[in-house]
Amino acid sequence: MFTGIVEELGTIEAVEPLDDGSRLTVRGPVVTEDAKHGDSIAVNGVCLTVVTVGDGQFTVDVVAETLRRSSLKGIAAGDRVNLERAMALGDRLGGHIVQGHVDGTAVLRGTDADGLTRFELPKRLSHYLVEKGSITVDGVSLTVVEAGESTFSVALIPTTKELTTLGHRAPGDEVNIEVDVLAKHLERLAAAQLDHRARGAQARSGDNGGVREAQ
């Protein structure tokens, strides 16, 4: 579990192809201070498991499914990445609840006249976004300013631009998106409830019909 508060900008040192994915070597002196094998570190918002750690860098294996769903499929040596260690129990929740399970990618469209940064995302994800709700972009916890049918906008403060990859992105760049997990759970619960009610109504309609036929 993460909070979406980036701890440092790391650097991809190497990308090694594997049979079912790739292995990344990432430099991050801050996040490796207490890291050990098996720990979780979010890399551009993707929760990954530390394989080896030492000398201010760590390695992680990225499976094919993660590469397919995230922007890590295009990562290369020299790229900067947002890094965050998993939240410790009792820590302040400075951002919002972030799982590190990327739902898909969005494309940066640019900054509008009001200074808002706008992204285009798949329509299948747009209904999870609401004005003033939470969204995770490349592992950064942000507040949605405007939520459209296939776009959304956020306001990036100078500190966020300086300390994360979002200050170095250009229009057309792909970013990782994680929507609010609470919204996904509510959708699933509501769908189940509506389905249950629909089946109940259908059953009652059938019973009534049977009575009318008997009469």
Protein backbone atom coordinates (compact mmCIF):
# COMPACT_ATOMS: atom_id res chain seq x y z
CA MET A 1 0.00 0.00 0.00
CA PHE A 2 1.25 3.47 -0.91
CA THR A 3 0.13 7.07 -0.47
CA GLY A 4 1.12 8.65 -3.78
CA ILE A 5 3.70 10.91 -2.13
CA VAL A 6 6.86 10.43 -4.20
CA GLU A 7 10.03 10.12 -2.13
CA GLU A 8 12.60 10.65 -4.85
CA LEU A 9 13.29 10.75 -8.56
CA GLY A 10 15.23 7.63 -9.43
CA THR A 11 17.05 6.63 -12.60
CA ILE A 12 16.75 3.48 -14.68
CA GLU A 13 20.26 2.07 -14.86
CA ALA A 14 19.53 -0.97 -17.02
CA VAL A 15 16.71 -2.94 -18.66
CA GLU A 16 17.31 -6.67 -19.11
CA PRO A 17 14.83 -8.68 -21.22
CA LEU A 18 13.48 -11.86 -19.62
CA ASP A 19 11.45 -14.71 -21.09
CA ASP A 20 8.20 -13.42 -19.57
CA GLY A 21 9.02 -9.74 -18.95
CA SER A 22 12.05 -7.71 -18.03
CA ARG A 23 14.36 -6.91 -15.11
CA LEU A 24 14.94 -3.28 -14.20
CA THR A 25 17.92 -1.93 -12.31
CA VAL A 26 16.92 1.32 -10.62
CA ARG A 27 19.09 3.84 -8.77
CA GLY A 28 17.36 5.31 -5.73
CA PRO A 29 19.55 6.16 -2.71
CA VAL A 30 16.61 7.25 -0.56
CA VAL A 31 14.30 4.26 -1.07
CA THR A 32 17.17 1.79 -0.70
CA GLU A 33 18.21 3.11 2.72
CA ASP A 34 16.26 0.36 4.48
CA ALA A 35 15.12 -1.76 1.53
CA LYS A 36 15.63 -5.50 1.47
CA HIS A 37 14.76 -8.45 -0.72
CA GLY A 38 10.99 -8.88 -0.97
CA ASP A 39 10.08 -5.28 -0.13
CA SER A 40 7.65 -3.32 -2.31
CA ILE A 41 8.67 -0.14 -4.11
CA ALA A 42 6.41 1.77 -6.47
CA VAL A 43 8.14 2.68 -9.74
CA ASN A 44 6.09 5.29 -11.63
CA GLY A 45 3.11 4.07 -9.66
CA VAL A 46 3.66 0.35 -10.31
CA CYS A 47 4.11 -1.79 -7.20
CA LEU A 48 7.17 -3.98 -7.78
CA THR A 49 9.05 -6.45 -5.57
CA VAL A 50 12.71 -5.89 -4.77
CA VAL A 51 14.90 -8.76 -6.01
CA THR A 52 18.34 -7.42 -5.07
CA VAL A 53 19.49 -4.24 -3.37
CA GLY A 54 22.87 -2.61 -2.79
CA ASP A 55 25.03 0.45 -3.49
CA GLY A 56 22.02 2.76 -3.72
CA GLN A 57 20.23 0.74 -6.37
CA PHE A 58 17.80 -2.16 -6.60
CA THR A 59 16.47 -4.61 -9.17
CA VAL A 60 12.87 -5.63 -9.85
CA ASP A 61 11.26 -8.07 -12.24
CA VAL A 62 8.34 -6.82 -14.34
CA VAL A 63 6.04 -9.51 -15.74
CA ALA A 64 4.43 -9.36 -19.19
CA GLU A 65 1.00 -8.43 -17.78
CA THR A 66 2.45 -5.39 -16.02
CA LEU A 67 4.31 -4.32 -19.15
CA ARG A 68 1.10 -4.63 -21.17
CA ARG A 69 -0.91 -2.47 -18.76
CA SER A 70 1.66 0.19 -17.93
CA SER A 71 4.12 2.60 -19.49
CA LEU A 72 7.01 0.47 -18.22
CA LYS A 73 6.91 -1.37 -21.53
CA GLY A 74 8.70 1.63 -23.05
CA ILE A 75 11.14 2.31 -20.21
CA ALA A 76 14.83 2.65 -21.10
CA ALA A 77 18.17 3.17 -19.37
CA GLY A 78 18.58 6.80 -18.35
CA ASP A 79 14.86 7.45 -17.83
CA ARG A 80 13.80 9.16 -14.60
CA VAL A 81 11.13 7.43 -12.49
CA ASN A 82 9.07 8.28 -9.42
CA LEU A 83 9.90 6.11 -6.43
CA GLU A 84 7.98 5.46 -3.22
CA ARG A 85 8.45 2.82 -0.54
CA ALA A 86 5.40 0.99 0.80
CA MET A 87 3.63 2.85 3.60
CA ALA A 88 4.50 1.72 7.12
CA LEU A 89 1.64 1.04 9.54
CA GLY A 90 1.05 4.20 11.56
CA ASP A 91 2.46 6.59 8.94
CA ARG A 92 0.52 9.70 7.98
CA LEU A 93 -1.59 9.23 4.85
CA GLY A 94 -0.44 12.35 3.05
CA GLY A 95 -2.00 11.48 -0.31
CA HIS A 96 -4.69 8.80 -0.66
CA ILE A 97 -4.88 5.02 -0.64
CA VAL A 98 -2.79 3.79 -3.58
CA GLN A 99 -2.33 0.10 -4.32
CA GLY A 100 0.29 0.36 -7.02
CA HIS A 101 -1.98 -1.68 -9.31
CA VAL A 102 -2.09 0.34 -12.51
CA ASP A 103 -5.46 0.35 -14.29
CA GLY A 104 -4.06 1.59 -17.59
CA THR A 105 -2.29 4.50 -19.19
CA ALA A 106 -3.24 8.04 -20.16
CA VAL A 107 -1.65 10.50 -22.57
CA LEU A 108 -0.53 13.99 -21.61
CA ARG A 109 -2.29 16.51 -23.84
CA GLY A 110 -0.67 19.67 -22.44
CA THR A 111 -1.42 22.66 -20.25
CA ASP A 112 -4.43 24.85 -20.94
CA ALA A 113 -4.87 28.61 -20.55
CA ASP A 114 -5.88 28.21 -16.89
CA GLY A 115 -2.65 26.41 -16.08
CA LEU A 116 -4.34 23.02 -15.70
CA THR A 117 -2.55 19.93 -16.97
CA ARG A 118 -4.85 17.80 -19.11
CA PHE A 119 -4.70 14.09 -19.84
CA GLU A 120 -6.66 11.79 -22.15
CA LEU A 121 -7.58 8.41 -20.69
CA PRO A 122 -9.54 5.34 -21.88
CA LYS A 123 -13.31 5.80 -21.64
CA ARG A 124 -13.55 2.58 -19.63
CA LEU A 125 -11.81 4.41 -16.76
CA SER A 126 -13.37 7.86 -17.06
CA HIS A 127 -16.48 7.08 -15.00
CA TYR A 128 -14.32 6.41 -11.93
CA LEU A 129 -13.18 10.05 -11.88
CA VAL A 130 -15.13 12.80 -10.16
CA GLU A 131 -14.41 16.47 -9.60
CA LYS A 132 -12.21 16.89 -6.49
CA GLY A 133 -11.71 13.13 -6.34
CA SER A 134 -8.34 11.37 -6.23
CA ILE A 135 -6.28 10.04 -9.14
CA THR A 136 -2.79 8.57 -9.26
CA VAL A 137 -0.62 9.65 -12.21
CA ASP A 138 2.78 7.94 -12.49
CA GLY A 139 2.51 7.21 -8.78
CA VAL A 140 1.68 10.81 -7.80
CA SER A 141 -1.47 11.40 -5.76
CA LEU A 142 -3.40 14.23 -7.41
CA THR A 143 -6.81 15.88 -7.15
CA VAL A 144 -9.06 15.88 -10.21
CA VAL A 145 -10.09 19.40 -11.22
CA GLU A 146 -12.25 18.50 -14.21
CA ALA A 147 -13.51 15.05 -15.18
CA GLY A 148 -14.70 14.67 -18.77
CA GLU A 149 -15.90 11.76 -20.88
CA SER A 150 -12.37 10.79 -21.90
CA THR A 151 -10.20 13.50 -20.34
CA PHE A 152 -9.33 14.90 -16.95
CA SER A 153 -7.28 17.79 -15.65
CA VAL A 154 -5.15 18.40 -12.56
CA ALA A 155 -3.33 21.37 -11.10
CA LEU A 156 0.39 20.73 -10.63
CA ILE A 157 2.13 22.87 -8.01
CA PRO A 158 5.78 23.86 -8.61
CA THR A 159 7.01 21.37 -5.99
CA THR A 160 5.32 18.47 -7.78
CA LYS A 161 6.83 19.54 -11.08
CA GLU A 162 10.27 19.82 -9.53
CA LEU A 163 10.31 16.58 -7.53
CA THR A 164 8.50 14.18 -9.89
CA THR A 165 8.55 13.11 -13.51
CA LEU A 166 5.44 15.19 -14.19
CA GLY A 167 7.57 18.30 -14.45
CA HIS A 168 9.57 16.71 -17.25
CA ARG A 169 6.76 15.26 -19.34
CA ALA A 170 5.85 16.53 -22.81
CA PRO A 171 2.57 16.37 -24.74
CA GLY A 172 2.11 12.88 -26.16
CA ASP A 173 3.91 11.17 -23.28
CA GLU A 174 2.24 8.11 -21.76
CA VAL A 175 1.66 7.99 -18.00
CA ASN A 176 0.39 5.31 -15.63
CA ILE A 177 -3.08 5.76 -14.15
CA GLU A 178 -4.58 4.20 -11.04
CA VAL A 179 -8.15 5.20 -10.22
CA ASP A 180 -9.53 5.30 -6.69
CA VAL A 181 -9.90 1.69 -5.48
CA LEU A 182 -12.89 2.71 -3.33
CA ALA A 183 -14.76 3.73 -6.49
CA LYS A 184 -14.09 0.32 -8.05
CA HIS A 185 -15.35 -1.53 -4.97
CA LEU A 186 -18.48 0.62 -4.80
CA GLU A 187 -19.18 -0.05 -8.47
CA ARG A 188 -18.91 -3.81 -7.94
CA LEU A 189 -21.13 -3.74 -4.84
CA ALA A 190 -23.74 -1.54 -6.53
CA ALA A 191 -23.78 -3.75 -9.63
CA ALA A 192 -24.35 -6.86 -7.51
CA GLN A 193 -27.17 -5.15 -5.59
CA LEU A 194 -28.86 -3.96 -8.78
CA ASP A 195 -28.56 -7.43 -10.31
CA HIS A 196 -30.08 -8.97 -7.18
CA ARG A 197 -33.02 -6.54 -7.31
CA ALA A 198 -33.54 -7.16 -11.02
CA ARG A 199 -33.67 -10.91 -10.50
CA GLY A 200 -36.08 -10.48 -7.61
CA ALA A 201 -38.36 -8.28 -9.71
CA GLN A 202 -38.25 -10.79 -12.55
CA ALA A 203 -39.13 -13.64 -10.20
CA ARG A 204 -42.06 -11.71 -8.71
CA SER A 205 -43.32 -10.85 -12.18
CA GLY A 206 -43.23 -14.52 -13.11
CA ASP A 207 -45.14 -15.53 -9.98
CA ASN A 208 -47.85 -12.96 -10.61
CA GLY A 209 -48.19 -14.12 -14.16
CA GLY A 210 -48.68 -17.66 -12.94
CA VAL A 211 -51.48 -16.54 -10.62
CA ARG A 212 -53.24 -14.64 -13.40
CA GLU A 213 -53.08 -17.66 -15.66
CA ALA A 214 -54.60 -19.87 -12.96
CA GLN A 215 -57.46 -17.45 -12.51
